[in-house]
Amino acid sequence: MVEDDALVRWVTTDVLETSGYEVISAQTADEALLILEERNDIRAIVTDINMPGTMNGLEFAALARDCWPDLVIIIASGRVRPSTDELPPKTCFLPKPYSTEDLMRALSSF
């Protein structure tokens, strides 16, 4: 879970953990990238687009897709609505606010 808004990160983490997922959260794409490089058990990423740091969520998702092609990647934003052409391959976009059902459906669609 990559999200700079602490409340959104906390609520989404809680929803995912309640649904049976083990969640590792990060505030920035840079922090998330370090986590991905250190671990080999991460299967999915849910990332915001607008975040502080050296890259935004779209750039992070593209890098993650290149380095870890089997990851499930869900990109979310309440401010930006990227076109299909702007999304990295094999990713899903969820507009915020999204429901628990929308998030679970997106995770299971891969």
PDB file of N, CA and C in Angstrom:
ATOM      1  N   MET A   1       0.846  -1.163   0.000  1.00  0.00           N
ATOM      2  CA  MET A   1       0.000   0.000   0.000  1.00  0.00           C
ATOM      3  C   MET A   1       0.894   1.228   0.000  1.00  0.00           C
ATOM      4  N   VAL A   2       0.840   2.005  -1.068  1.00  0.00           N
ATOM      5  CA  VAL A   2       1.685   3.191  -1.191  1.00  0.00           C
ATOM      6  C   VAL A   2       0.774   4.414  -1.237  1.00  0.00           C
ATOM      7  N   GLU A   3       0.792   5.169  -0.160  1.00  0.00           N
ATOM      8  CA  GLU A   3      -0.140   6.301  -0.018  1.00  0.00           C
ATOM      9  C   GLU A   3       0.456   7.304   0.958  1.00  0.00           C
ATOM     10  N   ASP A   4       0.504   8.575   0.558  1.00  0.00           N
ATOM     11  CA  ASP A   4       1.068   9.588   1.446  1.00  0.00           C
ATOM     12  C   ASP A   4       0.066  10.122   2.465  1.00  0.00           C
ATOM     13  N   ASP A   5      -1.226   9.966   2.209  1.00  0.00           N
ATOM     14  CA  ASP A   5      -2.253  10.405   3.161  1.00  0.00           C
ATOM     15  C   ASP A   5      -2.402   9.333   4.244  1.00  0.00           C
ATOM     16  N   ALA A   6      -2.036   9.678   5.469  1.00  0.00           N
ATOM     17  CA  ALA A   6      -2.001   8.694   6.562  1.00  0.00           C
ATOM     18  C   ALA A   6      -3.357   8.054   6.811  1.00  0.00           C
ATOM     19  N   LEU A   7      -4.432   8.824   6.747  1.00  0.00           N
ATOM     20  CA  LEU A   7      -5.760   8.276   7.010  1.00  0.00           C
ATOM     21  C   LEU A   7      -6.167   7.285   5.924  1.00  0.00           C
ATOM     22  N   VAL A   8      -5.962   7.646   4.677  1.00  0.00           N
ATOM     23  CA  VAL A   8      -6.296   6.740   3.567  1.00  0.00           C
ATOM     24  C   VAL A   8      -5.451   5.475   3.655  1.00  0.00           C
ATOM     25  N   ARG A   9      -4.169   5.633   3.963  1.00  0.00           N
ATOM     26  CA  ARG A   9      -3.273   4.472   4.093  1.00  0.00           C
ATOM     27  C   ARG A   9      -3.746   3.558   5.212  1.00  0.00           C
ATOM     28  N   TRP A  10      -4.119   4.140   6.347  1.00  0.00           N
ATOM     29  CA  TRP A  10      -4.567   3.356   7.500  1.00  0.00           C
ATOM     30  C   TRP A  10      -5.872   2.622   7.188  1.00  0.00           C
ATOM     31  N   VAL A  11      -6.847   3.325   6.610  1.00  0.00           N
ATOM     32  CA  VAL A  11      -8.146   2.706   6.315  1.00  0.00           C
ATOM     33  C   VAL A  11      -7.983   1.597   5.280  1.00  0.00           C
ATOM     34  N   THR A  12      -7.238   1.858   4.225  1.00  0.00           N
ATOM     35  CA  THR A  12      -7.053   0.841   3.183  1.00  0.00           C
ATOM     36  C   THR A  12      -6.288  -0.359   3.719  1.00  0.00           C
ATOM     37  N   THR A  13      -5.283  -0.119   4.523  1.00  0.00           N
ATOM     38  CA  THR A  13      -4.550  -1.219   5.157  1.00  0.00           C
ATOM     39  C   THR A  13      -5.488  -2.054   6.007  1.00  0.00           C
ATOM     40  N   ASP A  14      -6.333  -1.408   6.788  1.00  0.00           N
ATOM     41  CA  ASP A  14      -7.292  -2.118   7.635  1.00  0.00           C
ATOM     42  C   ASP A  14      -8.249  -2.963   6.796  1.00  0.00           C
ATOM     43  N   VAL A  15      -8.764  -2.392   5.717  1.00  0.00           N
ATOM     44  CA  VAL A  15      -9.679  -3.123   4.826  1.00  0.00           C
ATOM     45  C   VAL A  15      -8.983  -4.351   4.242  1.00  0.00           C
ATOM     46  N   LEU A  16      -7.764  -4.176   3.774  1.00  0.00           N
ATOM     47  CA  LEU A  16      -7.034  -5.293   3.172  1.00  0.00           C
ATOM     48  C   LEU A  16      -6.706  -6.372   4.198  1.00  0.00           C
ATOM     49  N   GLU A  17      -6.278  -5.960   5.386  1.00  0.00           N
ATOM     50  CA  GLU A  17      -5.965  -6.947   6.424  1.00  0.00           C
ATOM     51  C   GLU A  17      -7.214  -7.687   6.878  1.00  0.00           C
ATOM     52  N   THR A  18      -8.327  -6.991   6.985  1.00  0.00           N
ATOM     53  CA  THR A  18      -9.594  -7.628   7.350  1.00  0.00           C
ATOM     54  C   THR A  18     -10.013  -8.642   6.287  1.00  0.00           C
ATOM     55  N   SER A  19      -9.610  -8.391   5.043  1.00  0.00           N
ATOM     56  CA  SER A  19      -9.933  -9.295   3.938  1.00  0.00           C
ATOM     57  C   SER A  19      -8.917 -10.419   3.793  1.00  0.00           C
ATOM     58  N   GLY A  20      -7.950 -10.488   4.709  1.00  0.00           N
ATOM     59  CA  GLY A  20      -7.009 -11.601   4.712  1.00  0.00           C
ATOM     60  C   GLY A  20      -5.657 -11.328   4.089  1.00  0.00           C
ATOM     61  N   TYR A  21      -5.416 -10.112   3.655  1.00  0.00           N
ATOM     62  CA  TYR A  21      -4.128  -9.780   3.051  1.00  0.00           C
ATOM     63  C   TYR A  21      -3.133  -9.341   4.122  1.00  0.00           C
ATOM     64  N   GLU A  22      -1.869  -9.696   3.936  1.00  0.00           N
ATOM     65  CA  GLU A  22      -0.795  -9.127   4.751  1.00  0.00           C
ATOM     66  C   GLU A  22      -0.360  -7.852   4.042  1.00  0.00           C
ATOM     67  N   VAL A  23      -0.323  -6.748   4.759  1.00  0.00           N
ATOM     68  CA  VAL A  23      -0.075  -5.454   4.129  1.00  0.00           C
ATOM     69  C   VAL A  23       1.205  -4.827   4.664  1.00  0.00           C
ATOM     70  N   ILE A  24       1.999  -4.328   3.745  1.00  0.00           N
ATOM     71  CA  ILE A  24       3.163  -3.515   4.072  1.00  0.00           C
ATOM     72  C   ILE A  24       2.876  -2.152   3.464  1.00  0.00           C
ATOM     73  N   SER A  25       2.980  -1.109   4.257  1.00  0.00           N
ATOM     74  CA  SER A  25       2.637   0.207   3.729  1.00  0.00           C
ATOM     75  C   SER A  25       3.862   1.099   3.628  1.00  0.00           C
ATOM     76  N   ALA A  26       3.769   2.046   2.694  1.00  0.00           N
ATOM     77  CA  ALA A  26       4.825   3.027   2.471  1.00  0.00           C
ATOM     78  C   ALA A  26       4.176   4.376   2.188  1.00  0.00           C
ATOM     79  N   GLN A  27       4.876   5.450   2.568  1.00  0.00           N
ATOM     80  CA  GLN A  27       4.355   6.797   2.347  1.00  0.00           C
ATOM     81  C   GLN A  27       4.732   7.359   0.988  1.00  0.00           C
ATOM     82  N   THR A  28       5.797   6.839   0.395  1.00  0.00           N
ATOM     83  CA  THR A  28       6.270   7.349  -0.891  1.00  0.00           C
ATOM     84  C   THR A  28       6.647   6.187  -1.803  1.00  0.00           C
ATOM     85  N   ALA A  29       6.731   6.493  -3.087  1.00  0.00           N
ATOM     86  CA  ALA A  29       7.173   5.486  -4.046  1.00  0.00           C
ATOM     87  C   ALA A  29       8.616   5.076  -3.777  1.00  0.00           C
ATOM     88  N   ASP A  30       9.430   6.028  -3.349  1.00  0.00           N
ATOM     89  CA  ASP A  30      10.835   5.717  -3.041  1.00  0.00           C
ATOM     90  C   ASP A  30      10.925   4.680  -1.920  1.00  0.00           C
ATOM     91  N   GLU A  31      10.126   4.876  -0.877  1.00  0.00           N
ATOM     92  CA  GLU A  31      10.101   3.924   0.238  1.00  0.00           C
ATOM     93  C   GLU A  31       9.588   2.563  -0.231  1.00  0.00           C
ATOM     94  N   ALA A  32       8.550   2.574  -1.057  1.00  0.00           N
ATOM     95  CA  ALA A  32       7.986   1.318  -1.564  1.00  0.00           C
ATOM     96  C   ALA A  32       8.992   0.567  -2.432  1.00  0.00           C
ATOM     97  N   LEU A  33       9.746   1.294  -3.228  1.00  0.00           N
ATOM     98  CA  LEU A  33      10.756   0.663  -4.080  1.00  0.00           C
ATOM     99  C   LEU A  33      11.815  -0.048  -3.239  1.00  0.00           C
ATOM    100  N   LEU A  34      12.239   0.584  -2.161  1.00  0.00           N
ATOM    101  CA  LEU A  34      13.203  -0.062  -1.260  1.00  0.00           C
ATOM    102  C   LEU A  34      12.627  -1.348  -0.670  1.00  0.00           C
ATOM    103  N   ILE A  35      11.358  -1.319  -0.305  1.00  0.00           N
ATOM    104  CA  ILE A  35      10.703  -2.516   0.242  1.00  0.00           C
ATOM    105  C   ILE A  35      10.665  -3.623  -0.806  1.00  0.00           C
ATOM    106  N   LEU A  36      10.286  -3.275  -2.032  1.00  0.00           N
ATOM    107  CA  LEU A  36      10.235  -4.274  -3.105  1.00  0.00           C
ATOM    108  C   LEU A  36      11.609  -4.894  -3.358  1.00  0.00           C
ATOM    109  N   GLU A  37      12.645  -4.082  -3.282  1.00  0.00           N
ATOM    110  CA  GLU A  37      13.999  -4.586  -3.516  1.00  0.00           C
ATOM    111  C   GLU A  37      14.472  -5.518  -2.406  1.00  0.00           C
ATOM    112  N   GLU A  38      13.937  -5.349  -1.196  1.00  0.00           N
ATOM    113  CA  GLU A  38      14.360  -6.153  -0.048  1.00  0.00           C
ATOM    114  C   GLU A  38      13.558  -7.434   0.131  1.00  0.00           C
ATOM    115  N   ARG A  39      12.377  -7.490  -0.440  1.00  0.00           N
ATOM    116  CA  ARG A  39      11.484  -8.633  -0.190  1.00  0.00           C
ATOM    117  C   ARG A  39      11.152  -9.342  -1.493  1.00  0.00           C
ATOM    118  N   ASN A  40      10.864 -10.629  -1.380  1.00  0.00           N
ATOM    119  CA  ASN A  40      10.465 -11.386  -2.568  1.00  0.00           C
ATOM    120  C   ASN A  40       9.076 -11.991  -2.412  1.00  0.00           C
ATOM    121  N   ASP A  41       8.336 -11.543  -1.405  1.00  0.00           N
ATOM    122  CA  ASP A  41       7.016 -12.116  -1.140  1.00  0.00           C
ATOM    123  C   ASP A  41       5.868 -11.157  -1.442  1.00  0.00           C
ATOM    124  N   ILE A  42       6.137 -10.053  -2.087  1.00  0.00           N
ATOM    125  CA  ILE A  42       5.083  -9.087  -2.398  1.00  0.00           C
ATOM    126  C   ILE A  42       4.439  -9.481  -3.720  1.00  0.00           C
ATOM    127  N   ARG A  43       3.127  -9.584  -3.707  1.00  0.00           N
ATOM    128  CA  ARG A  43       2.380 -10.043  -4.881  1.00  0.00           C
ATOM    129  C   ARG A  43       1.548  -8.947  -5.541  1.00  0.00           C
ATOM    130  N   ALA A  44       1.252  -7.871  -4.786  1.00  0.00           N
ATOM    131  CA  ALA A  44       0.384  -6.816  -5.314  1.00  0.00           C
ATOM    132  C   ALA A  44       0.781  -5.464  -4.736  1.00  0.00           C
ATOM    133  N   ILE A  45       0.491  -4.419  -5.507  1.00  0.00           N
ATOM    134  CA  ILE A  45       0.722  -3.041  -5.079  1.00  0.00           C
ATOM    135  C   ILE A  45      -0.562  -2.257  -5.310  1.00  0.00           C
ATOM    136  N   VAL A  46      -0.943  -1.481  -4.318  1.00  0.00           N
ATOM    137  CA  VAL A  46      -1.989  -0.472  -4.480  1.00  0.00           C
ATOM    138  C   VAL A  46      -1.279   0.852  -4.250  1.00  0.00           C
ATOM    139  N   THR A  47      -1.272   1.730  -5.251  1.00  0.00           N
ATOM    140  CA  THR A  47      -0.527   2.978  -5.132  1.00  0.00           C
ATOM    141  C   THR A  47      -1.347   4.189  -5.533  1.00  0.00           C
ATOM    142  N   ASP A  48      -1.162   5.257  -4.794  1.00  0.00           N
ATOM    143  CA  ASP A  48      -1.701   6.563  -5.143  1.00  0.00           C
ATOM    144  C   ASP A  48      -0.851   7.127  -6.282  1.00  0.00           C
ATOM    145  N   ILE A  49      -1.344   8.160  -6.950  1.00  0.00           N
ATOM    146  CA  ILE A  49      -0.551   8.796  -8.006  1.00  0.00           C
ATOM    147  C   ILE A  49       0.236   9.981  -7.463  1.00  0.00           C
ATOM    148  N   ASN A  50      -0.445  10.923  -6.840  1.00  0.00           N
ATOM    149  CA  ASN A  50       0.213  12.145  -6.364  1.00  0.00           C
ATOM    150  C   ASN A  50       0.837  11.919  -4.996  1.00  0.00           C
ATOM    151  N   MET A  51       2.162  11.845  -4.983  1.00  0.00           N
ATOM    152  CA  MET A  51       2.894  11.621  -3.732  1.00  0.00           C
ATOM    153  C   MET A  51       4.191  12.416  -3.763  1.00  0.00           C
ATOM    154  N   PRO A  52       4.717  12.768  -2.586  1.00  0.00           N
ATOM    155  CA  PRO A  52       6.030  13.410  -2.560  1.00  0.00           C
ATOM    156  C   PRO A  52       7.120  12.393  -2.894  1.00  0.00           C
ATOM    157  N   GLY A  53       8.281  12.889  -3.218  1.00  0.00           N
ATOM    158  CA  GLY A  53       9.401  12.006  -3.518  1.00  0.00           C
ATOM    159  C   GLY A  53       9.898  12.207  -4.931  1.00  0.00           C
ATOM    160  N   THR A  54      10.748  11.303  -5.369  1.00  0.00           N
ATOM    161  CA  THR A  54      11.377  11.458  -6.684  1.00  0.00           C
ATOM    162  C   THR A  54      10.525  10.951  -7.835  1.00  0.00           C
ATOM    163  N   MET A  55       9.436  10.242  -7.535  1.00  0.00           N
ATOM    164  CA  MET A  55       8.561   9.750  -8.602  1.00  0.00           C
ATOM    165  C   MET A  55       7.125   9.706  -8.109  1.00  0.00           C
ATOM    166  N   ASN A  56       6.203   9.847  -9.049  1.00  0.00           N
ATOM    167  CA  ASN A  56       4.791   9.731  -8.695  1.00  0.00           C
ATOM    168  C   ASN A  56       4.357   8.273  -8.830  1.00  0.00           C
ATOM    169  N   GLY A  57       3.107   8.011  -8.541  1.00  0.00           N
ATOM    170  CA  GLY A  57       2.612   6.641  -8.566  1.00  0.00           C
ATOM    171  C   GLY A  57       2.624   5.995  -9.938  1.00  0.00           C
ATOM    172  N   LEU A  58       2.384   6.789 -10.991  1.00  0.00           N
ATOM    173  CA  LEU A  58       2.437   6.228 -12.344  1.00  0.00           C
ATOM    174  C   LEU A  58       3.864   5.826 -12.710  1.00  0.00           C
ATOM    175  N   GLU A  59       4.815   6.671 -12.364  1.00  0.00           N
ATOM    176  CA  GLU A  59       6.223   6.345 -12.631  1.00  0.00           C
ATOM    177  C   GLU A  59       6.658   5.133 -11.813  1.00  0.00           C
ATOM    178  N   PHE A  60       6.231   5.090 -10.564  1.00  0.00           N
ATOM    179  CA  PHE A  60       6.544   3.945  -9.705  1.00  0.00           C
ATOM    180  C   PHE A  60       5.941   2.663 -10.270  1.00  0.00           C
ATOM    181  N   ALA A  61       4.673   2.735 -10.695  1.00  0.00           N
ATOM    182  CA  ALA A  61       4.009   1.549 -11.243  1.00  0.00           C
ATOM    183  C   ALA A  61       4.717   1.056 -12.503  1.00  0.00           C
ATOM    184  N   ALA A  62       5.149   1.980 -13.356  1.00  0.00           N
ATOM    185  CA  ALA A  62       5.863   1.587 -14.576  1.00  0.00           C
ATOM    186  C   ALA A  62       7.191   0.908 -14.235  1.00  0.00           C
ATOM    187  N   LEU A  63       7.915   1.458 -13.270  1.00  0.00           N
ATOM    188  CA  LEU A  63       9.181   0.855 -12.845  1.00  0.00           C
ATOM    189  C   LEU A  63       8.947  -0.516 -12.217  1.00  0.00           C
ATOM    190  N   ALA A  64       7.933  -0.605 -11.360  1.00  0.00           N
ATOM    191  CA  ALA A  64       7.607  -1.887 -10.724  1.00  0.00           C
ATOM    192  C   ALA A  64       7.210  -2.925 -11.770  1.00  0.00           C
ATOM    193  N   ARG A  65       6.443  -2.517 -12.775  1.00  0.00           N
ATOM    194  CA  ARG A  65       6.033  -3.436 -13.839  1.00  0.00           C
ATOM    195  C   ARG A  65       7.253  -3.950 -14.585  1.00  0.00           C
ATOM    196  N   ASP A  66       8.197  -3.069 -14.880  1.00  0.00           N
ATOM    197  CA  ASP A  66       9.411  -3.479 -15.599  1.00  0.00           C
ATOM    198  C   ASP A  66      10.265  -4.443 -14.779  1.00  0.00           C
ATOM    199  N   CYS A  67      10.393  -4.170 -13.483  1.00  0.00           N
ATOM    200  CA  CYS A  67      11.282  -4.969 -12.626  1.00  0.00           C
ATOM    201  C   CYS A  67      10.627  -6.231 -12.075  1.00  0.00           C
ATOM    202  N   TRP A  68       9.324  -6.170 -11.841  1.00  0.00           N
ATOM    203  CA  TRP A  68       8.575  -7.286 -11.263  1.00  0.00           C
ATOM    204  C   TRP A  68       7.314  -7.502 -12.103  1.00  0.00           C
ATOM    205  N   PRO A  69       7.447  -8.131 -13.262  1.00  0.00           N
ATOM    206  CA  PRO A  69       6.340  -8.217 -14.221  1.00  0.00           C
ATOM    207  C   PRO A  69       5.116  -8.987 -13.736  1.00  0.00           C
ATOM    208  N   ASP A  70       5.254  -9.806 -12.708  1.00  0.00           N
ATOM    209  CA  ASP A  70       4.113 -10.594 -12.240  1.00  0.00           C
ATOM    210  C   ASP A  70       3.294  -9.907 -11.152  1.00  0.00           C
ATOM    211  N   LEU A  71       3.711  -8.731 -10.712  1.00  0.00           N
ATOM    212  CA  LEU A  71       2.971  -8.023  -9.664  1.00  0.00           C
ATOM    213  C   LEU A  71       1.592  -7.580 -10.145  1.00  0.00           C
ATOM    214  N   VAL A  72       0.617  -7.695  -9.271  1.00  0.00           N
ATOM    215  CA  VAL A  72      -0.683  -7.065  -9.492  1.00  0.00           C
ATOM    216  C   VAL A  72      -0.498  -5.602  -9.105  1.00  0.00           C
ATOM    217  N   ILE A  73      -0.851  -4.682  -9.993  1.00  0.00           N
ATOM    218  CA  ILE A  73      -0.668  -3.258  -9.705  1.00  0.00           C
ATOM    219  C   ILE A  73      -1.987  -2.525  -9.895  1.00  0.00           C
ATOM    220  N   ILE A  74      -2.420  -1.880  -8.814  1.00  0.00           N
ATOM    221  CA  ILE A  74      -3.627  -1.067  -8.836  1.00  0.00           C
ATOM    222  C   ILE A  74      -3.216   0.367  -8.538  1.00  0.00           C
ATOM    223  N   ILE A  75      -3.612   1.272  -9.412  1.00  0.00           N
ATOM    224  CA  ILE A  75      -3.284   2.687  -9.277  1.00  0.00           C
ATOM    225  C   ILE A  75      -4.566   3.426  -8.927  1.00  0.00           C
ATOM    226  N   ALA A  76      -4.503   4.281  -7.906  1.00  0.00           N
ATOM    227  CA  ALA A  76      -5.697   4.995  -7.454  1.00  0.00           C
ATOM    228  C   ALA A  76      -5.414   6.490  -7.348  1.00  0.00           C
ATOM    229  N   SER A  77      -6.450   7.285  -7.618  1.00  0.00           N
ATOM    230  CA  SER A  77      -6.326   8.727  -7.432  1.00  0.00           C
ATOM    231  C   SER A  77      -7.707   9.353  -7.392  1.00  0.00           C
ATOM    232  N   GLY A  78      -7.820  10.396  -6.595  1.00  0.00           N
ATOM    233  CA  GLY A  78      -9.042  11.184  -6.565  1.00  0.00           C
ATOM    234  C   GLY A  78      -8.897  12.465  -7.352  1.00  0.00           C
ATOM    235  N   ARG A  79      -7.697  12.748  -7.806  1.00  0.00           N
ATOM    236  CA  ARG A  79      -7.435  14.002  -8.513  1.00  0.00           C
ATOM    237  C   ARG A  79      -7.101  13.804  -9.981  1.00  0.00           C
ATOM    238  N   VAL A  80      -6.412  12.734 -10.275  1.00  0.00           N
ATOM    239  CA  VAL A  80      -5.942  12.474 -11.640  1.00  0.00           C
ATOM    240  C   VAL A  80      -6.680  11.266 -12.187  1.00  0.00           C
ATOM    241  N   ARG A  81      -7.099  11.346 -13.428  1.00  0.00           N
ATOM    242  CA  ARG A  81      -7.716  10.203 -14.101  1.00  0.00           C
ATOM    243  C   ARG A  81      -6.915   9.918 -15.367  1.00  0.00           C
ATOM    244  N   PRO A  82      -5.903   9.078 -15.240  1.00  0.00           N
ATOM    245  CA  PRO A  82      -5.052   8.813 -16.405  1.00  0.00           C
ATOM    246  C   PRO A  82      -5.813   8.069 -17.495  1.00  0.00           C
ATOM    247  N   SER A  83      -5.429   8.353 -18.718  1.00  0.00           N
ATOM    248  CA  SER A  83      -6.000   7.612 -19.839  1.00  0.00           C
ATOM    249  C   SER A  83      -5.391   6.214 -19.857  1.00  0.00           C
ATOM    250  N   THR A  84      -5.997   5.337 -20.598  1.00  0.00           N
ATOM    251  CA  THR A  84      -5.478   3.975 -20.727  1.00  0.00           C
ATOM    252  C   THR A  84      -4.042   3.995 -21.239  1.00  0.00           C
ATOM    253  N   ASP A  85      -3.742   4.920 -22.144  1.00  0.00           N
ATOM    254  CA  ASP A  85      -2.386   5.026 -22.694  1.00  0.00           C
ATOM    255  C   ASP A  85      -1.358   5.459 -21.653  1.00  0.00           C
ATOM    256  N   GLU A  86      -1.802   6.174 -20.620  1.00  0.00           N
ATOM    257  CA  GLU A  86      -0.884   6.641 -19.577  1.00  0.00           C
ATOM    258  C   GLU A  86      -0.591   5.570 -18.530  1.00  0.00           C
ATOM    259  N   LEU A  87      -1.428   4.544 -18.463  1.00  0.00           N
ATOM    260  CA  LEU A  87      -1.245   3.482 -17.468  1.00  0.00           C
ATOM    261  C   LEU A  87      -0.199   2.477 -17.944  1.00  0.00           C
ATOM    262  N   PRO A  88       0.657   2.021 -17.045  1.00  0.00           N
ATOM    263  CA  PRO A  88       1.580   0.945 -17.421  1.00  0.00           C
ATOM    264  C   PRO A  88       0.787  -0.307 -17.821  1.00  0.00           C
ATOM    265  N   PRO A  89       1.384  -1.185 -18.605  1.00  0.00           N
ATOM    266  CA  PRO A  89       0.688  -2.414 -19.004  1.00  0.00           C
ATOM    267  C   PRO A  89       0.246  -3.235 -17.794  1.00  0.00           C
ATOM    268  N   LYS A  90      -0.863  -3.907 -17.955  1.00  0.00           N
ATOM    269  CA  LYS A  90      -1.395  -4.830 -16.942  1.00  0.00           C
ATOM    270  C   LYS A  90      -1.553  -4.162 -15.578  1.00  0.00           C
ATOM    271  N   THR A  91      -2.129  -2.970 -15.586  1.00  0.00           N
ATOM    272  CA  THR A  91      -2.470  -2.297 -14.335  1.00  0.00           C
ATOM    273  C   THR A  91      -3.950  -1.954 -14.361  1.00  0.00           C
ATOM    274  N   CYS A  92      -4.469  -1.630 -13.199  1.00  0.00           N
ATOM    275  CA  CYS A  92      -5.874  -1.273 -13.062  1.00  0.00           C
ATOM    276  C   CYS A  92      -5.945   0.093 -12.392  1.00  0.00           C
ATOM    277  N   PHE A  93      -6.843   0.955 -12.855  1.00  0.00           N
ATOM    278  CA  PHE A  93      -7.039   2.255 -12.219  1.00  0.00           C
ATOM    279  C   PHE A  93      -8.339   2.254 -11.432  1.00  0.00           C
ATOM    280  N   LEU A  94      -8.266   2.747 -10.183  1.00  0.00           N
ATOM    281  CA  LEU A  94      -9.446   2.917  -9.334  1.00  0.00           C
ATOM    282  C   LEU A  94      -9.577   4.387  -8.971  1.00  0.00           C
ATOM    283  N   PRO A  95     -10.690   5.021  -9.343  1.00  0.00           N
ATOM    284  CA  PRO A  95     -10.887   6.404  -8.903  1.00  0.00           C
ATOM    285  C   PRO A  95     -11.246   6.441  -7.422  1.00  0.00           C
ATOM    286  N   LYS A  96     -10.694   7.418  -6.703  1.00  0.00           N
ATOM    287  CA  LYS A  96     -11.031   7.601  -5.289  1.00  0.00           C
ATOM    288  C   LYS A  96     -12.232   8.533  -5.195  1.00  0.00           C
ATOM    289  N   PRO A  97     -13.076   8.349  -4.237  1.00  0.00           N
ATOM    290  CA  PRO A  97     -13.043   7.268  -3.256  1.00  0.00           C
ATOM    291  C   PRO A  97     -13.552   5.974  -3.882  1.00  0.00           C
ATOM    292  N   TYR A  98     -12.956   4.869  -3.518  1.00  0.00           N
ATOM    293  CA  TYR A  98     -13.404   3.572  -4.012  1.00  0.00           C
ATOM    294  C   TYR A  98     -13.950   2.772  -2.842  1.00  0.00           C
ATOM    295  N   SER A  99     -14.820   1.840  -3.167  1.00  0.00           N
ATOM    296  CA  SER A  99     -15.428   1.001  -2.128  1.00  0.00           C
ATOM    297  C   SER A  99     -14.546  -0.220  -1.870  1.00  0.00           C
ATOM    298  N   THR A 100     -14.802  -0.868  -0.765  1.00  0.00           N
ATOM    299  CA  THR A 100     -14.114  -2.126  -0.458  1.00  0.00           C
ATOM    300  C   THR A 100     -14.351  -3.126  -1.575  1.00  0.00           C
ATOM    301  N   GLU A 101     -15.584  -3.173  -2.064  1.00  0.00           N
ATOM    302  CA  GLU A 101     -15.926  -4.112  -3.140  1.00  0.00           C
ATOM    303  C   GLU A 101     -15.125  -3.814  -4.402  1.00  0.00           C
ATOM    304  N   ASP A 102     -14.994  -2.518  -4.746  1.00  0.00           N
ATOM    305  CA  ASP A 102     -14.211  -2.150  -5.930  1.00  0.00           C
ATOM    306  C   ASP A 102     -12.753  -2.583  -5.784  1.00  0.00           C
ATOM    307  N   LEU A 103     -12.191  -2.379  -4.603  1.00  0.00           N
ATOM    308  CA  LEU A 103     -10.799  -2.759  -4.359  1.00  0.00           C
ATOM    309  C   LEU A 103     -10.626  -4.272  -4.436  1.00  0.00           C
ATOM    310  N   MET A 104     -11.526  -5.016  -3.820  1.00  0.00           N
ATOM    311  CA  MET A 104     -11.435  -6.481  -3.850  1.00  0.00           C
ATOM    312  C   MET A 104     -11.622  -7.010  -5.273  1.00  0.00           C
ATOM    313  N   ARG A 105     -12.541  -6.411  -6.016  1.00  0.00           N
ATOM    314  CA  ARG A 105     -12.766  -6.817  -7.401  1.00  0.00           C
ATOM    315  C   ARG A 105     -11.510  -6.547  -8.240  1.00  0.00           C
ATOM    316  N   ALA A 106     -10.884  -5.399  -8.025  1.00  0.00           N
ATOM    317  CA  ALA A 106      -9.665  -5.070  -8.770  1.00  0.00           C
ATOM    318  C   ALA A 106      -8.542  -6.050  -8.439  1.00  0.00           C
ATOM    319  N   LEU A 107      -8.383  -6.381  -7.172  1.00  0.00           N
ATOM    320  CA  LEU A 107      -7.333  -7.327  -6.774  1.00  0.00           C
ATOM    321  C   LEU A 107      -7.563  -8.715  -7.356  1.00  0.00           C
ATOM    322  N   SER A 108      -8.812  -9.112  -7.458  1.00  0.00           N
ATOM    323  CA  SER A 108      -9.104 -10.464  -7.954  1.00  0.00           C
ATOM    324  C   SER A 108      -9.210 -10.528  -9.472  1.00  0.00           C
ATOM    325  N   SER A 109      -9.121  -9.389 -10.155  1.00  0.00           N
ATOM    326  CA  SER A 109      -9.291  -9.384 -11.608  1.00  0.00           C
ATOM    327  C   SER A 109      -8.039  -9.819 -12.352  1.00  0.00           C
ATOM    328  N   PHE A 110      -6.940  -9.980 -11.651  1.00  0.00           N
ATOM    329  CA  PHE A 110      -5.683 -10.360 -12.302  1.00  0.00           C
ATOM    330  C   PHE A 110      -5.456 -11.845 -12.210  1.00  0.00           C
TER     331      PHE A 110
END
